[in-house]
PDB file of all heavy atoms in Angstrom:
ATOM      1  N   PRO A   1      -4.700  -3.740 -11.754  1.00  0.00           N
ATOM      2  CA  PRO A   1      -5.859  -2.910 -11.416  1.00  0.00           C
ATOM      3  C   PRO A   1      -5.903  -2.533  -9.947  1.00  0.00           C
ATOM      4  O   PRO A   1      -5.515  -3.308  -9.081  1.00  0.00           O
ATOM      5  CB  PRO A   1      -7.042  -3.797 -11.822  1.00  0.00           C
ATOM      6  CG  PRO A   1      -6.466  -4.756 -12.837  1.00  0.00           C
ATOM      7  CD  PRO A   1      -5.086  -5.002 -12.417  1.00  0.00           C
ATOM      8  N   GLY A   2      -6.445  -1.350  -9.670  1.00  0.00           N
ATOM      9  CA  GLY A   2      -6.596  -0.860  -8.294  1.00  0.00           C
ATOM     10  C   GLY A   2      -7.904  -0.142  -8.153  1.00  0.00           C
ATOM     11  O   GLY A   2      -8.688  -0.009  -9.112  1.00  0.00           O
ATOM     12  N   PRO A   3      -8.223   0.349  -6.957  1.00  0.00           N
ATOM     13  CA  PRO A   3      -9.485   1.024  -6.701  1.00  0.00           C
ATOM     14  C   PRO A   3      -9.517   2.451  -7.250  1.00  0.00           C
ATOM     15  O   PRO A   3      -8.505   3.070  -7.433  1.00  0.00           O
ATOM     16  CB  PRO A   3      -9.583   1.025  -5.173  1.00  0.00           C
ATOM     17  CG  PRO A   3      -8.134   1.034  -4.717  1.00  0.00           C
ATOM     18  CD  PRO A   3      -7.389   0.231  -5.736  1.00  0.00           C
ATOM     19  N   SER A   4     -10.726   2.939  -7.497  1.00  0.00           N
ATOM     20  CA  SER A   4     -10.925   4.317  -7.941  1.00  0.00           C
ATOM     21  C   SER A   4     -10.930   5.280  -6.742  1.00  0.00           C
ATOM     22  O   SER A   4     -10.923   4.816  -5.588  1.00  0.00           O
ATOM     23  CB  SER A   4     -12.231   4.439  -8.733  1.00  0.00           C
ATOM     24  OG  SER A   4     -13.310   4.421  -7.809  1.00  0.00           O
ATOM     25  N   ILE A   5     -11.014   6.548  -7.015  1.00  0.00           N
ATOM     26  CA  ILE A   5     -11.029   7.537  -5.968  1.00  0.00           C
ATOM     27  C   ILE A   5     -12.305   7.463  -5.121  1.00  0.00           C
ATOM     28  O   ILE A   5     -12.345   7.932  -3.992  1.00  0.00           O
ATOM     29  CB  ILE A   5     -10.879   8.953  -6.582  1.00  0.00           C
ATOM     30  CG1 ILE A   5     -10.503   9.982  -5.482  1.00  0.00           C
ATOM     31  CG2 ILE A   5     -12.159   9.407  -7.299  1.00  0.00           C
ATOM     32  CD1 ILE A   5     -10.123  11.325  -6.057  1.00  0.00           C
ATOM     33  N   ARG A   6     -13.346   6.809  -5.646  1.00  0.00           N
ATOM     34  CA  ARG A   6     -14.623   6.696  -4.944  1.00  0.00           C
ATOM     35  C   ARG A   6     -14.705   5.399  -4.118  1.00  0.00           C
ATOM     36  O   ARG A   6     -15.675   5.189  -3.423  1.00  0.00           O
ATOM     37  CB  ARG A   6     -15.748   6.728  -5.930  1.00  0.00           C
ATOM     38  CG  ARG A   6     -15.811   7.999  -6.801  1.00  0.00           C
ATOM     39  CD  ARG A   6     -16.856   7.830  -7.890  1.00  0.00           C
ATOM     40  NE  ARG A   6     -16.839   8.921  -8.845  1.00  0.00           N
ATOM     41  CZ  ARG A   6     -17.535  10.038  -8.739  1.00  0.00           C
ATOM     42  NH1 ARG A   6     -18.312  10.203  -7.707  1.00  0.00           N
ATOM     43  NH2 ARG A   6     -17.450  10.986  -9.665  1.00  0.00           N
ATOM     44  N   ASP A   7     -13.722   4.532  -4.202  1.00  0.00           N
ATOM     45  CA  ASP A   7     -13.757   3.206  -3.615  1.00  0.00           C
ATOM     46  C   ASP A   7     -13.190   3.218  -2.225  1.00  0.00           C
ATOM     47  O   ASP A   7     -12.044   3.665  -2.005  1.00  0.00           O
ATOM     48  CB  ASP A   7     -12.955   2.234  -4.523  1.00  0.00           C
ATOM     49  CG  ASP A   7     -13.289   0.787  -4.229  1.00  0.00           C
ATOM     50  OD1 ASP A   7     -13.547   0.454  -3.061  1.00  0.00           O
ATOM     51  OD2 ASP A   7     -13.294  -0.025  -5.184  1.00  0.00           O
ATOM     52  N   ALA A   8     -13.946   2.717  -1.257  1.00  0.00           N
ATOM     53  CA  ALA A   8     -13.468   2.660   0.135  1.00  0.00           C
ATOM     54  C   ALA A   8     -12.282   1.728   0.326  1.00  0.00           C
ATOM     55  O   ALA A   8     -11.559   1.817   1.326  1.00  0.00           O
ATOM     56  CB  ALA A   8     -14.618   2.222   1.036  1.00  0.00           C
ATOM     57  N   ASP A   9     -12.034   0.847  -0.625  1.00  0.00           N
ATOM     58  CA  ASP A   9     -10.878  -0.063  -0.556  1.00  0.00           C
ATOM     59  C   ASP A   9      -9.540   0.672  -0.573  1.00  0.00           C
ATOM     60  O   ASP A   9      -8.507   0.106  -0.206  1.00  0.00           O
ATOM     61  CB  ASP A   9     -10.855  -1.041  -1.744  1.00  0.00           C
ATOM     62  CG  ASP A   9     -11.918  -2.120  -1.621  1.00  0.00           C
ATOM     63  OD1 ASP A   9     -12.415  -2.327  -0.497  1.00  0.00           O
ATOM     64  OD2 ASP A   9     -12.238  -2.731  -2.644  1.00  0.00           O
ATOM     65  N   ARG A  10      -9.564   1.936  -1.027  1.00  0.00           N
ATOM     66  CA  ARG A  10      -8.270   2.605  -1.229  1.00  0.00           C
ATOM     67  C   ARG A  10      -7.527   2.816   0.083  1.00  0.00           C
ATOM     68  O   ARG A  10      -6.295   2.835   0.079  1.00  0.00           O
ATOM     69  CB  ARG A  10      -8.454   3.927  -1.948  1.00  0.00           C
ATOM     70  CG  ARG A  10      -9.262   5.001  -1.237  1.00  0.00           C
ATOM     71  CD  ARG A  10      -9.583   6.107  -2.208  1.00  0.00           C
ATOM     72  NE  ARG A  10     -10.289   7.229  -1.568  1.00  0.00           N
ATOM     73  CZ  ARG A  10     -11.576   7.265  -1.327  1.00  0.00           C
ATOM     74  NH1 ARG A  10     -12.317   6.216  -1.640  1.00  0.00           N
ATOM     75  NH2 ARG A  10     -12.130   8.327  -0.782  1.00  0.00           N
ATOM     76  N   TYR A  11      -8.201   2.909   1.203  1.00  0.00           N
ATOM     77  CA  TYR A  11      -7.515   3.143   2.474  1.00  0.00           C
ATOM     78  C   TYR A  11      -6.850   1.873   2.999  1.00  0.00           C
ATOM     79  O   TYR A  11      -5.656   1.918   3.354  1.00  0.00           O
ATOM     80  CB  TYR A  11      -8.473   3.785   3.486  1.00  0.00           C
ATOM     81  CG  TYR A  11      -8.997   5.106   2.983  1.00  0.00           C
ATOM     82  CD1 TYR A  11     -10.288   5.221   2.471  1.00  0.00           C
ATOM     83  CD2 TYR A  11      -8.180   6.242   2.960  1.00  0.00           C
ATOM     84  CE1 TYR A  11     -10.742   6.428   1.984  1.00  0.00           C
ATOM     85  CE2 TYR A  11      -8.640   7.432   2.463  1.00  0.00           C
ATOM     86  CZ  TYR A  11      -9.933   7.537   1.955  1.00  0.00           C
ATOM     87  OH  TYR A  11     -10.371   8.724   1.465  1.00  0.00           O
ATOM     88  N   PRO A  12      -7.536   0.744   3.069  1.00  0.00           N
ATOM     89  CA  PRO A  12      -6.821  -0.487   3.417  1.00  0.00           C
ATOM     90  C   PRO A  12      -5.703  -0.814   2.445  1.00  0.00           C
ATOM     91  O   PRO A  12      -4.626  -1.280   2.844  1.00  0.00           O
ATOM     92  CB  PRO A  12      -7.931  -1.572   3.394  1.00  0.00           C
ATOM     93  CG  PRO A  12      -9.184  -0.843   3.605  1.00  0.00           C
ATOM     94  CD  PRO A  12      -9.003   0.512   2.962  1.00  0.00           C
ATOM     95  N   LEU A  13      -5.914  -0.527   1.148  1.00  0.00           N
ATOM     96  CA  LEU A  13      -4.882  -0.832   0.165  1.00  0.00           C
ATOM     97  C   LEU A  13      -3.640   0.036   0.393  1.00  0.00           C
ATOM     98  O   LEU A  13      -2.504  -0.436   0.303  1.00  0.00           O
ATOM     99  CB  LEU A  13      -5.432  -0.625  -1.245  1.00  0.00           C
ATOM    100  CG  LEU A  13      -4.385  -0.876  -2.343  1.00  0.00           C
ATOM    101  CD1 LEU A  13      -3.979  -2.352  -2.368  1.00  0.00           C
ATOM    102  CD2 LEU A  13      -4.914  -0.477  -3.717  1.00  0.00           C
ATOM    103  N   ARG A  14      -3.848   1.315   0.679  1.00  0.00           N
ATOM    104  CA  ARG A  14      -2.722   2.194   0.942  1.00  0.00           C
ATOM    105  C   ARG A  14      -1.893   1.663   2.124  1.00  0.00           C
ATOM    106  O   ARG A  14      -0.660   1.698   2.112  1.00  0.00           O
ATOM    107  CB  ARG A  14      -3.204   3.600   1.242  1.00  0.00           C
ATOM    108  CG  ARG A  14      -3.735   4.354   0.036  1.00  0.00           C
ATOM    109  CD  ARG A  14      -4.274   5.726   0.462  1.00  0.00           C
ATOM    110  NE  ARG A  14      -4.974   6.410  -0.617  1.00  0.00           N
ATOM    111  CZ  ARG A  14      -5.617   7.552  -0.488  1.00  0.00           C
ATOM    112  NH1 ARG A  14      -5.632   8.152   0.709  1.00  0.00           N
ATOM    113  NH2 ARG A  14      -6.241   8.103  -1.498  1.00  0.00           N
ATOM    114  N   MET A  15      -2.584   1.212   3.188  1.00  0.00           N
ATOM    115  CA  MET A  15      -1.863   0.684   4.340  1.00  0.00           C
ATOM    116  C   MET A  15      -1.153  -0.612   4.009  1.00  0.00           C
ATOM    117  O   MET A  15      -0.019  -0.859   4.451  1.00  0.00           O
ATOM    118  CB  MET A  15      -2.852   0.459   5.511  1.00  0.00           C
ATOM    119  CG  MET A  15      -3.523   1.738   6.014  1.00  0.00           C
ATOM    120  SD  MET A  15      -2.360   3.015   6.557  1.00  0.00           S
ATOM    121  CE  MET A  15      -2.130   3.998   5.077  1.00  0.00           C
ATOM    122  N   LEU A  16      -1.768  -1.451   3.176  1.00  0.00           N
ATOM    123  CA  LEU A  16      -1.115  -2.688   2.741  1.00  0.00           C
ATOM    124  C   LEU A  16       0.158  -2.391   1.993  1.00  0.00           C
ATOM    125  O   LEU A  16       1.212  -2.973   2.272  1.00  0.00           O
ATOM    126  CB  LEU A  16      -2.092  -3.466   1.848  1.00  0.00           C
ATOM    127  CG  LEU A  16      -1.501  -4.695   1.123  1.00  0.00           C
ATOM    128  CD1 LEU A  16      -1.130  -5.784   2.134  1.00  0.00           C
ATOM    129  CD2 LEU A  16      -2.508  -5.228   0.105  1.00  0.00           C
ATOM    130  N   LEU A  17       0.095  -1.462   1.041  1.00  0.00           N
ATOM    131  CA  LEU A  17       1.268  -1.136   0.232  1.00  0.00           C
ATOM    132  C   LEU A  17       2.335  -0.433   1.073  1.00  0.00           C
ATOM    133  O   LEU A  17       3.548  -0.589   0.786  1.00  0.00           O
ATOM    134  CB  LEU A  17       0.864  -0.270  -0.956  1.00  0.00           C
ATOM    135  CG  LEU A  17      -0.076  -0.946  -1.956  1.00  0.00           C
ATOM    136  CD1 LEU A  17      -0.431   0.010  -3.088  1.00  0.00           C
ATOM    137  CD2 LEU A  17       0.496  -2.226  -2.500  1.00  0.00           C
ATOM    138  N   SER A  18       1.935   0.300   2.088  1.00  0.00           N
ATOM    139  CA  SER A  18       2.927   0.903   2.977  1.00  0.00           C
ATOM    140  C   SER A  18       3.707  -0.169   3.737  1.00  0.00           C
ATOM    141  O   SER A  18       4.941  -0.094   3.851  1.00  0.00           O
ATOM    142  CB  SER A  18       2.228   1.842   3.970  1.00  0.00           C
ATOM    143  OG  SER A  18       3.130   2.409   4.875  1.00  0.00           O
ATOM    144  N   VAL A  19       2.990  -1.173   4.203  1.00  0.00           N
ATOM    145  CA  VAL A  19       3.663  -2.280   4.934  1.00  0.00           C
ATOM    146  C   VAL A  19       4.587  -3.049   3.988  1.00  0.00           C
ATOM    147  O   VAL A  19       5.723  -3.395   4.338  1.00  0.00           O
ATOM    148  CB  VAL A  19       2.601  -3.242   5.541  1.00  0.00           C
ATOM    149  CG1 VAL A  19       3.276  -4.521   6.052  1.00  0.00           C
ATOM    150  CG2 VAL A  19       1.849  -2.560   6.666  1.00  0.00           C
ATOM    151  N   LEU A  20       4.100  -3.346   2.802  1.00  0.00           N
ATOM    152  CA  LEU A  20       4.859  -4.215   1.904  1.00  0.00           C
ATOM    153  C   LEU A  20       5.963  -3.481   1.157  1.00  0.00           C
ATOM    154  O   LEU A  20       7.040  -4.062   0.930  1.00  0.00           O
ATOM    155  CB  LEU A  20       3.892  -4.847   0.878  1.00  0.00           C
ATOM    156  CG  LEU A  20       2.804  -5.738   1.401  1.00  0.00           C
ATOM    157  CD1 LEU A  20       2.019  -6.312   0.221  1.00  0.00           C
ATOM    158  CD2 LEU A  20       3.387  -6.877   2.240  1.00  0.00           C
ATOM    159  N   ALA A  21       5.712  -2.224   0.756  1.00  0.00           N
ATOM    160  CA  ALA A  21       6.592  -1.687  -0.280  1.00  0.00           C
ATOM    161  C   ALA A  21       6.743  -0.183  -0.307  1.00  0.00           C
ATOM    162  O   ALA A  21       6.955   0.400  -1.355  1.00  0.00           O
ATOM    163  CB  ALA A  21       6.084  -2.163  -1.633  1.00  0.00           C
ATOM    164  N   ASP A  22       6.678   0.512   0.838  1.00  0.00           N
ATOM    165  CA  ASP A  22       6.995   1.924   0.745  1.00  0.00           C
ATOM    166  C   ASP A  22       8.514   2.089   0.711  1.00  0.00           C
ATOM    167  O   ASP A  22       9.253   1.124   0.770  1.00  0.00           O
ATOM    168  CB  ASP A  22       6.314   2.748   1.859  1.00  0.00           C
ATOM    169  CG  ASP A  22       6.946   2.588   3.225  1.00  0.00           C
ATOM    170  OD1 ASP A  22       7.975   1.868   3.322  1.00  0.00           O
ATOM    171  OD2 ASP A  22       6.432   3.160   4.195  1.00  0.00           O
ATOM    172  N   ASP A  23       8.975   3.336   0.617  1.00  0.00           N
ATOM    173  CA  ASP A  23      10.385   3.556   0.360  1.00  0.00           C
ATOM    174  C   ASP A  23      11.270   3.530   1.582  1.00  0.00           C
ATOM    175  O   ASP A  23      12.459   3.880   1.528  1.00  0.00           O
ATOM    176  CB  ASP A  23      10.616   4.882  -0.409  1.00  0.00           C
ATOM    177  CG  ASP A  23      10.035   6.062   0.342  1.00  0.00           C
ATOM    178  OD1 ASP A  23       9.575   5.902   1.478  1.00  0.00           O
ATOM    179  OD2 ASP A  23      10.069   7.174  -0.232  1.00  0.00           O
ATOM    180  N   GLY A  24      10.741   3.137   2.721  1.00  0.00           N
ATOM    181  CA  GLY A  24      11.561   3.023   3.932  1.00  0.00           C
ATOM    182  C   GLY A  24      10.891   2.181   5.003  1.00  0.00           C
ATOM    183  O   GLY A  24       9.759   2.414   5.344  1.00  0.00           O
ATOM    184  N   GLY A  25      11.562   1.152   5.477  1.00  0.00           N
ATOM    185  CA  GLY A  25      11.055   0.360   6.564  1.00  0.00           C
ATOM    186  C   GLY A  25      10.024  -0.703   6.178  1.00  0.00           C
ATOM    187  O   GLY A  25       9.440  -1.335   7.044  1.00  0.00           O
ATOM    188  N   SER A  26       9.762  -0.887   4.884  1.00  0.00           N
ATOM    189  CA  SER A  26       8.790  -1.871   4.472  1.00  0.00           C
ATOM    190  C   SER A  26       9.462  -3.242   4.240  1.00  0.00           C
ATOM    191  O   SER A  26      10.681  -3.365   4.308  1.00  0.00           O
ATOM    192  CB  SER A  26       8.113  -1.420   3.160  1.00  0.00           C
ATOM    193  OG  SER A  26       9.099  -1.375   2.114  1.00  0.00           O
ATOM    194  N   ARG A  27       8.661  -4.242   3.958  1.00  0.00           N
ATOM    195  CA  ARG A  27       9.205  -5.571   3.681  1.00  0.00           C
ATOM    196  C   ARG A  27      10.128  -5.546   2.457  1.00  0.00           C
ATOM    197  O   ARG A  27      11.170  -6.162   2.466  1.00  0.00           O
ATOM    198  CB  ARG A  27       8.063  -6.586   3.492  1.00  0.00           C
ATOM    199  CG  ARG A  27       7.231  -6.831   4.751  1.00  0.00           C
ATOM    200  CD  ARG A  27       6.217  -7.942   4.505  1.00  0.00           C
ATOM    201  NE  ARG A  27       5.326  -8.108   5.664  1.00  0.00           N
ATOM    202  CZ  ARG A  27       4.364  -9.020   5.720  1.00  0.00           C
ATOM    203  NH1 ARG A  27       4.183  -9.859   4.708  1.00  0.00           N
ATOM    204  NH2 ARG A  27       3.596  -9.113   6.803  1.00  0.00           N
ATOM    205  N   LEU A  28       9.663  -4.872   1.395  1.00  0.00           N
ATOM    206  CA  LEU A  28      10.510  -4.775   0.203  1.00  0.00           C
ATOM    207  C   LEU A  28      11.800  -3.999   0.480  1.00  0.00           C
ATOM    208  O   LEU A  28      12.863  -4.335  -0.060  1.00  0.00           O
ATOM    209  CB  LEU A  28       9.776  -4.084  -0.917  1.00  0.00           C
ATOM    210  CG  LEU A  28       9.056  -4.970  -1.966  1.00  0.00           C
ATOM    211  CD1 LEU A  28       8.478  -4.113  -3.052  1.00  0.00           C
ATOM    212  CD2 LEU A  28      10.028  -5.995  -2.543  1.00  0.00           C
ATOM    213  N   PHE A  29      11.730  -2.997   1.312  1.00  0.00           N
ATOM    214  CA  PHE A  29      12.902  -2.218   1.659  1.00  0.00           C
ATOM    215  C   PHE A  29      13.979  -3.116   2.249  1.00  0.00           C
ATOM    216  O   PHE A  29      15.140  -3.089   1.840  1.00  0.00           O
ATOM    217  CB  PHE A  29      12.555  -1.096   2.633  1.00  0.00           C
ATOM    218  CG  PHE A  29      13.755  -0.323   3.140  1.00  0.00           C
ATOM    219  CD1 PHE A  29      14.262   0.718   2.414  1.00  0.00           C
ATOM    220  CD2 PHE A  29      14.337  -0.688   4.340  1.00  0.00           C
ATOM    221  CE1 PHE A  29      15.379   1.419   2.887  1.00  0.00           C
ATOM    222  CE2 PHE A  29      15.458   0.007   4.823  1.00  0.00           C
ATOM    223  CZ  PHE A  29      15.982   1.073   4.089  1.00  0.00           C
ATOM    224  N   TRP A  30      13.594  -3.927   3.239  1.00  0.00           N
ATOM    225  CA  TRP A  30      14.558  -4.794   3.897  1.00  0.00           C
ATOM    226  C   TRP A  30      15.031  -5.908   2.974  1.00  0.00           C
ATOM    227  O   TRP A  30      16.179  -6.359   3.070  1.00  0.00           O
ATOM    228  CB  TRP A  30      13.959  -5.380   5.171  1.00  0.00           C
ATOM    229  CG  TRP A  30      13.612  -4.330   6.184  1.00  0.00           C
ATOM    230  CD1 TRP A  30      12.379  -4.006   6.666  1.00  0.00           C
ATOM    231  CD2 TRP A  30      14.534  -3.439   6.858  1.00  0.00           C
ATOM    232  NE1 TRP A  30      12.448  -2.978   7.571  1.00  0.00           N
ATOM    233  CE2 TRP A  30      13.758  -2.609   7.703  1.00  0.00           C
ATOM    234  CE3 TRP A  30      15.909  -3.234   6.782  1.00  0.00           C
ATOM    235  CZ2 TRP A  30      14.330  -1.624   8.486  1.00  0.00           C
ATOM    236  CZ3 TRP A  30      16.481  -2.251   7.560  1.00  0.00           C
ATOM    237  CH2 TRP A  30      15.701  -1.471   8.419  1.00  0.00           C
ATOM    238  N   GLU A  31      14.175  -6.363   2.068  1.00  0.00           N
ATOM    239  CA  GLU A  31      14.538  -7.445   1.168  1.00  0.00           C
ATOM    240  C   GLU A  31      15.457  -7.014   0.050  1.00  0.00           C
ATOM    241  O   GLU A  31      16.389  -7.718  -0.294  1.00  0.00           O
ATOM    242  CB  GLU A  31      13.257  -8.064   0.591  1.00  0.00           C
ATOM    243  CG  GLU A  31      13.481  -9.263  -0.330  1.00  0.00           C
ATOM    244  CD  GLU A  31      13.648 -10.569   0.417  1.00  0.00           C
ATOM    245  OE1 GLU A  31      13.218 -10.645   1.607  1.00  0.00           O
ATOM    246  OE2 GLU A  31      14.188 -11.520  -0.147  1.00  0.00           O
TER     247      GLU A  31
END
């Protein structure tokens, strides 16, 4: 489950997922 389009959590979550698992330079990328 994730936040809806009306949920303010979506911005911190997007940044979290960018750090952990975007397609370049993230933790998952290096791992």
